[in-house]
């Protein structure tokens, strides 16, 4: 008989996916139903209401798109942009570049405002781009850039977008559920995320929310949305209004998302944000004793994901491979100009635990000592303990 590969238990401390609660796994075993079963429609309503709480919005148009975070990114852009529209897009990492790429594929005139990878976008540069670009349809930025661990302040950008009569689009793939995010208060018109990071669910869904202003722009399109599967008006008719069939949704993933959101609300959003910060602070304190500093500057370091500069002379890929093979711990490497220079360490959702911080530091310390680094054994865990005990 053919032998098949058996998946292995891993401690997922990379840029995603993250580990999930046993409650979420159990939820995925709930009975399958028809996509228009009255009981399942009630589950859908519960999911959309929980998502509104997570996004901190009163937007009626809030639902999970089938697919990973990139499906949310694509849905946001293909629904909002028509050929000839102008989009100003902030790029200071891989996923800002991906926003620009998809906008270009929509036939938009794309104006990019760039910053060095590891830095935040300059609001003055964005304001100048909005002034110079003429009639701008939307301004798009990434809240937490997963390729660099940088968190971008959003409220000033929302004000700039609206001052220029543009929609404000935000990628919250790595921030929803782990970083303070206020869709309504910060004037965000389109915001999408993913379930496999701070939300605490498996990959497969991309929550999205649209302000009434964005919905009105969507309804006034002059051309059909280029994607049938990601057509938000058709998804609205299934999820929110007429209950008209569009596609067969993944019920098991929806059950999982509902349970993950219930867990988040039981914890409380503020407590959840504080947990992510506490564990990130402990991680950074431990990494500092190992000769590693965050790529991002103080004040712009994202708690769910730390991009740590690898010590000089260390083969980062070899250490990552040893972490996985010997300890069962996954962390991520760098993209583009940061390839070979950083480790991307995620403490997101269920994976953001003090015990996981200590487990990782213990393993990293052992591997770096083997690599010849001059570090004091036990120093990283002592530094992390100090932070954790002070909180």
Protein backbone atom coordinates (compact mmCIF):
# COMPACT_ATOMS: atom_id res chain seq x y z
CA UNK A 1 0.00 0.00 0.00
CA UNK A 2 1.21 3.48 -0.81
CA UNK A 3 2.64 5.39 2.14
CA UNK A 4 1.39 8.94 2.61
CA UNK A 5 3.07 11.79 4.41
CA UNK A 6 1.90 12.36 7.97
CA UNK A 7 1.71 16.06 8.94
CA UNK A 8 3.73 16.96 12.04
CA UNK A 9 2.88 18.99 15.10
CA UNK A 10 4.73 22.30 14.91
CA UNK A 11 5.05 25.32 17.13
CA UNK A 12 4.14 27.95 14.54
CA UNK A 13 6.04 31.15 15.37
CA UNK A 14 6.50 32.45 11.85
CA UNK A 15 4.53 35.05 9.87
CA UNK A 16 1.54 32.71 9.61
CA UNK A 17 -0.29 30.48 9.87
CA UNK A 18 -0.34 30.34 13.66
CA UNK A 19 -1.46 27.61 16.01
CA UNK A 20 -5.15 27.53 16.92
CA UNK A 21 -7.10 26.67 20.06
CA UNK A 22 -8.39 23.10 20.49
CA UNK A 23 -11.83 24.72 20.70
CA UNK A 24 -11.41 25.98 17.15
CA UNK A 25 -10.33 22.54 15.92
CA UNK A 26 -13.37 20.97 17.58
CA UNK A 27 -15.63 23.54 15.96
CA UNK A 28 -14.48 22.35 12.55
CA UNK A 29 -16.03 18.95 13.28
CA UNK A 30 -19.57 20.36 13.61
CA UNK A 31 -22.12 18.90 11.17
CA UNK A 32 -22.13 20.06 7.58
CA UNK A 33 -25.35 21.62 6.37
CA UNK A 34 -26.71 23.03 3.15
CA UNK A 35 -25.50 26.52 2.29
CA UNK A 36 -29.08 27.83 2.65
CA UNK A 37 -30.06 25.77 5.69
CA UNK A 38 -31.88 28.10 8.14
CA UNK A 39 -29.60 27.03 10.98
CA UNK A 40 -26.49 27.73 8.94
CA UNK A 41 -27.87 31.15 7.94
CA UNK A 42 -28.06 31.97 11.66
CA UNK A 43 -24.42 30.92 12.04
CA UNK A 44 -23.53 33.28 9.19
CA UNK A 45 -25.32 36.14 10.95
CA UNK A 46 -23.41 35.44 14.15
CA UNK A 47 -20.11 35.48 12.26
CA UNK A 48 -20.82 38.83 10.62
CA UNK A 49 -21.81 40.41 13.94
CA UNK A 50 -18.67 39.09 15.65
CA UNK A 51 -16.56 40.44 12.80
CA UNK A 52 -18.09 43.89 13.26
CA UNK A 53 -16.99 43.78 16.89
CA UNK A 54 -13.47 42.70 15.91
CA UNK A 55 -13.16 45.43 13.27
CA UNK A 56 -14.76 47.95 15.67
CA UNK A 57 -17.24 49.01 13.08
CA UNK A 58 -20.98 49.41 12.62
CA UNK A 59 -20.65 48.68 8.88
CA UNK A 60 -23.52 46.50 7.74
CA UNK A 61 -21.33 45.28 4.88
CA UNK A 62 -19.05 42.96 6.84
CA UNK A 63 -18.45 39.35 5.87
CA UNK A 64 -15.73 36.73 5.31
CA UNK A 65 -14.58 36.21 1.73
CA UNK A 66 -13.76 32.60 0.81
CA UNK A 67 -10.00 32.33 0.37
CA UNK A 68 -6.86 33.45 2.19
CA UNK A 69 -5.80 37.03 2.87
CA UNK A 70 -4.78 37.60 -0.73
CA UNK A 71 -8.39 36.95 -1.77
CA UNK A 72 -9.45 39.80 0.50
CA UNK A 73 -6.79 42.03 -1.00
CA UNK A 74 -7.90 41.17 -4.50
CA UNK A 75 -11.60 41.49 -3.65
CA UNK A 76 -11.05 44.94 -2.19
CA UNK A 77 -9.20 46.22 -5.23
CA UNK A 78 -11.15 44.59 -8.07
CA UNK A 79 -14.43 45.82 -6.61
CA UNK A 80 -13.31 49.38 -5.91
CA UNK A 81 -11.17 50.08 -8.97
CA UNK A 82 -12.23 50.40 -12.58
CA UNK A 83 -9.96 50.90 -15.60
CA UNK A 84 -8.62 54.46 -15.60
CA UNK A 85 -9.16 55.10 -11.88
CA UNK A 86 -6.21 56.51 -9.95
CA UNK A 87 -4.96 54.74 -6.82
CA UNK A 88 -2.28 56.05 -4.46
CA UNK A 89 -0.62 53.11 -2.74
CA UNK A 90 1.93 53.12 0.06
CA UNK A 91 4.70 50.57 -0.38
CA UNK A 92 7.31 49.87 2.27
CA UNK A 93 7.39 46.11 2.02
CA UNK A 94 6.28 43.11 0.00
CA UNK A 95 2.56 43.40 0.64
CA UNK A 96 2.35 47.07 -0.24
CA UNK A 97 4.00 46.10 -3.50
CA UNK A 98 1.38 43.40 -3.97
CA UNK A 99 -1.38 45.96 -3.49
CA UNK A 100 0.18 48.05 -6.25
CA UNK A 101 0.55 45.00 -8.51
CA UNK A 102 -3.12 44.03 -8.20
CA UNK A 103 -4.27 47.64 -8.67
CA UNK A 104 -2.22 47.80 -11.86
CA UNK A 105 -3.87 44.57 -13.08
CA UNK A 106 -7.25 46.27 -12.50
CA UNK A 107 -6.27 48.85 -15.12
CA UNK A 108 -5.80 51.62 -12.57
CA UNK A 109 -3.30 54.46 -12.78
CA UNK A 110 -1.09 53.50 -9.85
CA UNK A 111 0.86 56.14 -7.95
CA UNK A 112 3.19 54.61 -5.36
CA UNK A 113 4.55 56.35 -2.30
CA UNK A 114 7.57 54.39 -1.13
CA UNK A 115 9.62 54.13 2.04
CA UNK A 116 12.60 52.00 2.93
CA UNK A 117 11.70 48.49 4.07
CA UNK A 118 11.60 48.70 7.86
CA UNK A 119 10.38 52.32 7.94
CA UNK A 120 6.89 53.80 8.12
CA UNK A 121 5.32 55.79 5.31
CA UNK A 122 5.65 59.58 5.53
CA UNK A 123 2.21 61.24 5.71
CA UNK A 124 3.65 64.37 4.06
CA UNK A 125 4.76 62.31 1.05
CA UNK A 126 1.32 60.71 0.83
CA UNK A 127 -0.37 64.11 1.05
CA UNK A 128 1.84 65.41 -1.77
CA UNK A 129 1.01 62.38 -3.92
CA UNK A 130 -2.72 62.92 -3.35
CA UNK A 131 -2.36 66.56 -4.36
CA UNK A 132 -0.33 65.78 -7.48
CA UNK A 133 -2.42 62.83 -8.70
CA UNK A 134 -5.60 64.74 -9.44
CA UNK A 135 -8.85 62.83 -8.88
CA UNK A 136 -7.86 59.87 -6.71
CA UNK A 137 -10.26 56.93 -6.24
CA UNK A 138 -8.52 55.42 -3.25
CA UNK A 139 -5.53 55.49 -0.94
CA UNK A 140 -4.31 52.04 0.12
CA UNK A 141 -1.80 51.09 2.83
CA UNK A 142 -0.80 48.07 4.91
CA UNK A 143 -1.41 48.38 8.66
CA UNK A 144 1.18 45.81 9.75
CA UNK A 145 3.64 44.99 6.98
CA UNK A 146 4.27 41.27 7.41
CA UNK A 147 7.57 41.42 5.54
CA UNK A 148 9.14 43.93 7.95
CA UNK A 149 7.23 43.96 11.25
CA UNK A 150 6.36 47.66 10.87
CA UNK A 151 3.04 49.06 12.11
CA UNK A 152 1.79 52.08 10.16
CA UNK A 153 -0.24 54.79 11.97
CA UNK A 154 -3.59 54.98 10.17
CA UNK A 155 -5.71 57.81 11.57
CA UNK A 156 -3.74 60.64 9.88
CA UNK A 157 -3.89 58.82 6.55
CA UNK A 158 -7.63 58.33 6.76
CA UNK A 159 -8.04 62.06 7.25
CA UNK A 160 -5.78 62.78 4.26
CA UNK A 161 -7.73 60.39 2.04
CA UNK A 162 -11.07 61.95 2.91
CA UNK A 163 -9.71 65.47 2.51
CA UNK A 164 -8.99 64.51 -1.10
CA UNK A 165 -12.35 62.75 -1.58
CA UNK A 166 -10.64 59.37 -1.82
CA UNK A 167 -11.58 56.06 -0.23
CA UNK A 168 -9.20 54.75 2.44
CA UNK A 169 -8.30 51.07 2.02
CA UNK A 170 -6.35 49.19 4.70
CA UNK A 171 -4.70 45.77 4.73
CA UNK A 172 -5.20 44.41 8.26
CA UNK A 173 -4.08 40.84 7.55
CA UNK A 174 -1.57 40.78 10.41
CA UNK A 175 -3.26 43.27 12.71
CA UNK A 176 -6.91 42.25 13.16
CA UNK A 177 -7.25 40.71 16.61
CA UNK A 178 -3.71 41.56 17.72
CA UNK A 179 -3.23 45.30 17.23
CA UNK A 180 -5.57 48.17 18.06
CA UNK A 181 -7.69 48.66 14.94
CA UNK A 182 -10.59 51.12 14.80
CA UNK A 183 -12.25 51.03 11.40
CA UNK A 184 -14.95 53.62 12.06
CA UNK A 185 -12.95 55.94 14.27
CA UNK A 186 -10.00 56.12 11.86
CA UNK A 187 -12.10 56.66 8.75
CA UNK A 188 -11.25 53.36 7.07
CA UNK A 189 -13.58 52.69 4.13
CA UNK A 190 -12.37 49.23 3.07
CA UNK A 191 -10.55 46.89 5.42
CA UNK A 192 -9.69 43.23 4.91
CA UNK A 193 -7.81 40.67 6.95
CA UNK A 194 -7.13 36.92 7.17
CA UNK A 195 -8.13 34.27 9.67
CA UNK A 196 -4.83 32.44 10.19
CA UNK A 197 -2.93 35.05 12.20
CA UNK A 198 -4.12 37.10 15.18
CA UNK A 199 -7.76 36.09 14.61
CA UNK A 200 -6.81 32.57 15.70
CA UNK A 201 -8.41 30.38 13.04
CA UNK A 202 -7.05 28.20 10.20
CA UNK A 203 -6.31 29.71 6.77
CA UNK A 204 -9.16 29.88 4.31
CA UNK A 205 -11.23 33.02 4.94
CA UNK A 206 -10.60 36.74 4.52
CA UNK A 207 -12.86 39.01 6.59
CA UNK A 208 -13.70 42.28 4.87
CA UNK A 209 -15.73 45.35 5.82
CA UNK A 210 -16.94 48.28 3.69
CA UNK A 211 -18.18 51.66 4.89
CA UNK A 212 -21.50 52.96 3.51
CA UNK A 213 -19.40 55.36 1.41
CA UNK A 214 -17.47 52.48 -0.14
CA UNK A 215 -20.66 50.50 -0.76
CA UNK A 216 -22.14 53.46 -2.59
CA UNK A 217 -19.05 53.72 -4.80
CA UNK A 218 -19.33 49.99 -5.48
CA UNK A 219 -22.99 50.30 -6.50
CA UNK A 220 -22.14 53.11 -8.91
CA UNK A 221 -19.57 51.13 -10.91
CA UNK A 222 -19.77 51.64 -14.66
CA UNK A 223 -18.22 48.26 -15.51
CA UNK A 224 -18.82 44.75 -14.14
CA UNK A 225 -16.43 43.51 -11.47
CA UNK A 226 -13.81 41.49 -13.35
CA UNK A 227 -14.03 38.58 -10.89
CA UNK A 228 -17.27 36.62 -10.50
CA UNK A 229 -16.03 34.74 -7.43
CA UNK A 230 -14.95 37.92 -5.62
CA UNK A 231 -17.86 40.14 -6.70
CA UNK A 232 -18.80 41.73 -3.38
CA UNK A 233 -22.31 42.73 -4.47
CA UNK A 234 -23.08 39.10 -5.23
CA UNK A 235 -21.53 38.05 -1.93
CA UNK A 236 -23.67 40.68 -0.19
CA UNK A 237 -26.81 39.07 -1.63
CA UNK A 238 -25.78 35.72 -0.18
CA UNK A 239 -24.39 36.81 3.20
CA UNK A 240 -26.44 39.88 4.09
CA UNK A 241 -29.64 40.41 2.10
CA UNK A 242 -31.53 38.09 -0.26
CA UNK A 243 -29.74 34.84 0.72
CA UNK A 244 -29.18 34.10 -2.94
CA UNK A 245 -26.76 31.29 -3.76
CA UNK A 246 -23.38 32.45 -5.01
CA UNK A 247 -20.93 29.65 -4.20
CA UNK A 248 -20.67 26.82 -1.71
CA UNK A 249 -18.88 28.30 1.29
CA UNK A 250 -16.53 26.32 3.52
CA UNK A 251 -18.76 25.63 6.48
CA UNK A 252 -15.99 24.07 8.55
CA UNK A 253 -13.86 27.19 8.19
CA UNK A 254 -16.83 29.37 9.08
CA UNK A 255 -17.47 27.31 12.23
CA UNK A 256 -13.79 27.72 13.10
CA UNK A 257 -13.88 31.48 12.53
CA UNK A 258 -16.98 31.85 14.69
CA UNK A 259 -15.33 29.96 17.56
CA UNK A 260 -12.09 31.95 17.23
CA UNK A 261 -14.04 35.22 17.37
CA UNK A 262 -16.02 34.01 20.39
CA UNK A 263 -12.71 33.27 22.13
CA UNK A 264 -11.42 36.74 21.22
CA UNK A 265 -14.51 38.42 22.64
CA UNK A 266 -14.33 36.33 25.81
CA UNK A 267 -10.77 37.56 26.29
CA UNK A 268 -11.66 41.15 25.38
CA UNK A 269 -9.99 43.11 22.61
CA UNK A 270 -8.00 45.40 24.94
CA UNK A 271 -6.75 42.44 26.97
CA UNK A 272 -5.86 40.66 23.74
CA UNK A 273 -3.86 43.63 22.47
CA UNK A 274 -2.07 43.87 25.83
CA UNK A 275 -1.19 40.15 25.71
CA UNK A 276 0.35 40.55 22.27
CA UNK A 277 2.36 43.55 23.49
CA UNK A 278 3.57 41.87 26.67
CA UNK A 279 4.80 38.79 24.85
CA UNK A 280 6.42 40.85 22.09
CA UNK A 281 8.25 42.95 24.68
CA UNK A 282 9.51 39.80 26.38
CA UNK A 283 10.67 38.36 23.05
CA UNK A 284 12.55 41.54 22.11
CA UNK A 285 14.22 41.69 25.53
CA UNK A 286 15.41 38.11 25.12
CA UNK A 287 16.57 38.63 21.55
CA UNK A 288 18.61 41.68 22.61
CA UNK A 289 20.74 39.50 24.89
CA UNK A 290 21.42 37.28 21.86
CA UNK A 291 22.68 40.24 19.83
CA UNK A 292 19.47 40.78 17.84
CA UNK A 293 17.55 44.04 17.45
CA UNK A 294 14.25 44.66 15.62
CA UNK A 295 14.45 45.95 12.08
CA UNK A 296 11.67 48.46 12.79
CA UNK A 297 12.38 51.57 14.80
CA UNK A 298 11.07 51.97 18.34
CA UNK A 299 7.49 53.19 18.17
CA UNK A 300 6.75 51.43 14.87
CA UNK A 301 7.40 47.82 15.94
CA UNK A 302 4.40 45.55 15.46
CA UNK A 303 3.64 43.33 18.43
CA UNK A 304 2.30 40.33 16.47
CA UNK A 305 5.39 40.07 14.27
CA UNK A 306 9.01 40.94 15.04
CA UNK A 307 11.55 41.17 12.24
CA UNK A 308 14.83 40.53 14.08
CA UNK A 309 18.18 41.34 12.48
CA UNK A 310 20.29 38.18 12.33
CA UNK A 311 23.72 38.43 14.04
CA UNK A 312 26.66 38.93 11.71
CA UNK A 313 28.25 35.75 10.46
CA UNK A 314 25.23 33.54 11.17
CA UNK A 315 23.73 31.39 8.44
CA UNK A 316 20.12 32.35 9.09
CA UNK A 317 18.66 29.63 6.85
CA UNK A 318 20.66 26.93 8.61
CA UNK A 319 19.51 28.06 12.03
CA UNK A 320 15.89 28.22 10.87
CA UNK A 321 16.19 24.73 9.43
CA UNK A 322 17.66 23.44 12.73
CA UNK A 323 14.85 25.08 14.68
CA UNK A 324 12.32 23.20 12.58
CA UNK A 325 14.10 19.85 12.40
CA UNK A 326 15.40 19.64 15.97
CA UNK A 327 12.83 21.61 17.95
CA UNK A 328 9.72 21.59 15.76
CA UNK A 329 9.58 25.39 15.77
CA UNK A 330 8.85 27.40 12.63
CA UNK A 331 9.98 30.98 12.13
CA UNK A 332 10.25 32.88 8.85
CA UNK A 333 13.08 34.39 6.83
CA UNK A 334 13.17 37.66 4.92
CA UNK A 335 11.91 38.62 1.47
CA UNK A 336 13.53 40.73 -1.22
CA UNK A 337 16.23 43.08 0.13
CA UNK A 338 15.89 41.48 3.58
CA UNK A 339 16.51 37.90 2.42
CA UNK A 340 19.18 36.32 4.62
CA UNK A 341 19.17 39.33 6.97
CA UNK A 342 16.18 38.88 9.27
CA UNK A 343 14.11 36.31 11.09
CA UNK A 344 10.39 37.02 11.11
CA UNK A 345 8.98 35.81 14.41
CA UNK A 346 5.22 35.75 14.85
CA UNK A 347 3.45 35.77 18.19
CA UNK A 348 -0.10 35.88 16.88
CA UNK A 349 -3.40 34.76 18.32
CA UNK A 350 -3.09 31.39 20.06
CA UNK A 351 0.67 31.41 19.37
CA UNK A 352 1.18 34.54 21.48
CA UNK A 353 2.02 32.91 24.79
CA UNK A 354 4.75 33.55 27.35
CA UNK A 355 5.64 29.85 27.30
CA UNK A 356 6.18 30.00 23.54
CA UNK A 357 8.50 33.01 23.94
CA UNK A 358 10.62 31.10 26.44
CA UNK A 359 10.63 27.92 24.37
CA UNK A 360 11.84 29.79 21.29
CA UNK A 361 14.53 31.73 23.17
CA UNK A 362 15.85 28.53 24.75
CA UNK A 363 16.13 26.87 21.34
CA UNK A 364 17.64 29.92 19.61
CA UNK A 365 20.18 30.35 22.38
CA UNK A 366 21.30 26.73 22.08
CA UNK A 367 21.64 26.97 18.30
CA UNK A 368 23.50 30.28 18.37
CA UNK A 369 25.93 28.92 20.97
CA UNK A 370 26.55 26.01 18.61
CA UNK A 371 27.18 28.53 15.83
CA UNK A 372 29.92 30.12 17.94
CA UNK A 373 28.10 33.22 19.19
CA UNK A 374 29.48 34.66 22.41
CA UNK A 375 26.36 34.82 24.54
CA UNK A 376 25.68 34.06 28.17
CA UNK A 377 23.66 30.84 28.57
CA UNK A 378 20.25 31.52 30.06
CA UNK A 379 20.50 35.27 29.53
CA UNK A 380 17.71 35.50 26.98
CA UNK A 381 15.18 33.65 29.11
CA UNK A 382 16.15 35.66 32.19
CA UNK A 383 15.57 38.90 30.26
CA UNK A 384 12.20 37.67 29.00
CA UNK A 385 11.19 36.52 32.49
CA UNK A 386 11.98 39.96 33.84
CA UNK A 387 9.60 41.60 31.36
CA UNK A 388 6.88 39.04 31.94
CA UNK A 389 7.07 39.28 35.73
CA UNK A 390 6.98 43.09 35.59
CA UNK A 391 3.63 43.06 33.81
